[in-house]
Amino acid sequence: MGTQQILMLVIGVIIVGLAITVGFVTFNNGSYNSNKSAIAVEMQEMSTRLMQYWMLPTSMGGASQLSSNVSVASVGKSLGFLDMEGVYTLSNDNGEYRVLSVTGSVVEIGALGNVSKKNKFPYAKLTVDLLTQEASTVLSEQTGF
């Protein structure tokens, strides 16, 4: 082969390598963003279920709109979380969810996605004030809980 043909072959290999690299990066970013959106949607659903729990009578497993009936354990059980030595947690295809705290009528739930980007995972923190029925979700990145 001539030097021109070898040069074209090397340039072709470099272009194919760059295309594959760009494809991997694009796919990983899309997967990461999808995971971030998925945990945000699940947090919205959990806020709705928390409000249902808040309004449900005690006889039916709810809180009867009494802050004294709301605890980490009762919130965890109402959302279907598992008790792992005092930490109420739930894992699914999108990530891991934990009841972080219950202070009066304010409930905080954290979610850590399962798709990483540069060793950081999508993180969502849901804060629900049951008395005012206000919910907010903050999205960020973290390495773990």
Protein backbone atom coordinates (compact mmCIF):
# COMPACT_ATOMS: atom_id res chain seq x y z
CA MET A 1 0.00 0.00 0.00
CA GLY A 2 1.02 3.53 -0.59
CA THR A 3 1.42 6.11 2.13
CA GLN A 4 -1.73 7.89 0.99
CA GLN A 5 -3.81 4.73 1.41
CA ILE A 6 -2.35 4.05 4.88
CA LEU A 7 -3.08 7.65 5.89
CA MET A 8 -6.69 7.32 4.72
CA LEU A 9 -7.03 4.06 6.67
CA VAL A 10 -5.68 5.67 9.85
CA ILE A 11 -7.98 8.68 9.45
CA GLY A 12 -10.93 6.33 8.89
CA VAL A 13 -10.14 4.39 12.08
CA ILE A 14 -9.86 7.64 14.06
CA ILE A 15 -13.21 8.90 12.74
CA VAL A 16 -14.94 5.61 13.56
CA GLY A 17 -13.41 5.64 17.06
CA LEU A 18 -14.62 9.20 17.66
CA ALA A 19 -18.11 8.32 16.42
CA ILE A 20 -18.30 5.37 18.81
CA THR A 21 -17.11 7.54 21.72
CA VAL A 22 -19.68 10.24 20.95
CA GLY A 23 -22.36 7.56 20.76
CA PHE A 24 -21.45 6.19 24.20
CA VAL A 25 -21.45 9.66 25.77
CA THR A 26 -24.79 10.57 24.17
CA PHE A 27 -26.37 7.30 25.28
CA ASN A 28 -25.06 7.68 28.85
CA ASN A 29 -26.35 11.27 29.10
CA GLY A 30 -29.77 10.20 27.84
CA SER A 31 -29.89 7.31 30.29
CA TYR A 32 -28.84 9.57 33.17
CA ASN A 33 -31.46 12.21 32.31
CA SER A 34 -34.16 9.56 31.94
CA ASN A 35 -33.30 8.15 35.37
CA LYS A 36 -33.43 11.65 36.87
CA SER A 37 -36.87 12.23 35.35
CA ALA A 38 -38.11 8.83 36.49
CA ILE A 39 -37.22 9.39 40.15
CA ALA A 40 -38.79 12.88 39.99
CA VAL A 41 -42.04 11.38 38.70
CA GLU A 42 -42.02 8.72 41.39
CA MET A 43 -41.50 11.41 44.04
CA GLN A 44 -44.59 13.21 42.73
CA GLU A 45 -46.57 9.99 43.06
CA MET A 46 -45.27 9.51 46.61
CA SER A 47 -46.41 13.01 47.57
CA THR A 48 -49.91 12.11 46.38
CA ARG A 49 -49.86 8.86 48.37
CA LEU A 50 -48.65 10.77 51.44
CA MET A 51 -51.61 13.13 51.18
CA GLN A 52 -53.94 10.14 50.92
CA TYR A 53 -52.34 8.65 54.03
CA TRP A 54 -52.71 11.99 55.84
CA MET A 55 -56.44 12.20 55.14
CA LEU A 56 -57.28 8.54 55.70
CA PRO A 57 -58.86 7.71 59.10
CA THR A 58 -56.71 5.92 61.65
CA SER A 59 -59.08 2.94 61.60
CA MET A 60 -58.15 2.46 57.94
CA GLY A 61 -54.39 2.84 58.46
CA GLY A 62 -54.12 6.58 57.92
CA ALA A 63 -53.11 9.54 60.07
CA SER A 64 -56.57 11.13 60.49
CA GLN A 65 -54.94 14.53 59.83
CA LEU A 66 -53.13 14.39 63.20
CA SER A 67 -49.42 15.17 63.32
CA SER A 68 -49.08 12.90 66.37
CA ASN A 69 -50.00 9.93 64.13
CA VAL A 70 -47.23 10.67 61.63
CA SER A 71 -43.84 9.00 62.20
CA VAL A 72 -41.02 7.62 60.09
CA ALA A 73 -42.41 4.12 60.60
CA SER A 74 -46.00 5.01 59.74
CA VAL A 75 -44.96 6.95 56.64
CA GLY A 76 -42.65 4.15 55.53
CA LYS A 77 -45.33 1.51 55.98
CA SER A 78 -47.98 3.59 54.21
CA LEU A 79 -45.71 3.94 51.17
CA GLY A 80 -44.80 0.25 51.16
CA PHE A 81 -41.19 0.74 52.23
CA LEU A 82 -39.28 -2.05 53.97
CA ASP A 83 -37.86 -1.62 57.46
CA MET A 84 -34.11 -2.21 57.22
CA GLU A 85 -32.99 -1.85 60.85
CA GLY A 86 -34.91 1.37 61.42
CA VAL A 87 -34.33 2.81 57.94
CA TYR A 88 -37.42 2.63 55.76
CA THR A 89 -36.31 1.98 52.21
CA LEU A 90 -37.69 0.92 48.84
CA SER A 91 -35.72 -0.17 45.78
CA ASN A 92 -36.95 -0.51 42.22
CA ASP A 93 -35.62 -0.28 38.66
CA ASN A 94 -35.12 3.49 38.94
CA GLY A 95 -33.25 3.67 42.24
CA GLU A 96 -33.51 3.59 46.01
CA TYR A 97 -35.92 5.64 48.12
CA ARG A 98 -35.68 6.37 51.85
CA VAL A 99 -37.78 8.14 54.43
CA LEU A 100 -35.25 10.69 55.66
CA SER A 101 -37.18 12.40 58.44
CA VAL A 102 -40.56 13.29 59.87
CA THR A 103 -40.79 16.50 61.88
CA GLY A 104 -44.32 17.27 63.01
CA SER A 105 -46.28 17.27 59.79
CA VAL A 106 -43.27 17.71 57.47
CA VAL A 107 -42.05 14.56 55.74
CA GLU A 108 -38.78 14.28 53.80
CA ILE A 109 -38.06 11.45 51.39
CA GLY A 110 -34.83 10.99 49.43
CA ALA A 111 -34.30 9.14 46.16
CA LEU A 112 -30.98 8.07 44.67
CA GLY A 113 -31.05 7.01 41.02
CA ASN A 114 -29.13 4.01 39.74
CA VAL A 115 -27.47 5.52 36.63
CA SER A 116 -24.19 7.32 37.26
CA LYS A 117 -22.44 10.07 35.37
CA LYS A 118 -18.89 10.82 36.48
CA ASN A 119 -19.49 8.77 39.68
CA LYS A 120 -22.51 10.87 40.67
CA PHE A 121 -26.09 9.68 40.72
CA PRO A 122 -29.28 11.71 40.30
CA TYR A 123 -30.72 12.60 43.69
CA ALA A 124 -34.18 13.92 44.52
CA LYS A 125 -35.41 15.17 47.88
CA LEU A 126 -39.16 15.42 48.40
CA THR A 127 -40.45 17.64 51.19
CA VAL A 128 -44.17 17.44 51.97
CA ASP A 129 -45.93 19.62 54.54
CA LEU A 130 -49.06 17.63 55.30
CA LEU A 131 -50.81 20.51 57.10
CA THR A 132 -50.52 22.97 54.22
CA GLN A 133 -50.56 20.23 51.57
CA GLU A 134 -47.49 21.70 49.89
CA ALA A 135 -44.90 19.50 48.25
CA SER A 136 -41.57 20.37 46.69
CA THR A 137 -38.93 18.24 45.02
CA VAL A 138 -35.32 19.33 44.65
CA LEU A 139 -33.15 17.54 42.09
CA SER A 140 -29.37 17.36 42.39
CA GLU A 141 -26.45 14.93 42.11
CA GLN A 142 -24.83 12.88 44.86
CA THR A 143 -22.46 9.98 45.29
CA GLY A 144 -24.75 8.23 47.81
CA PHE A 145 -27.20 8.75 50.65
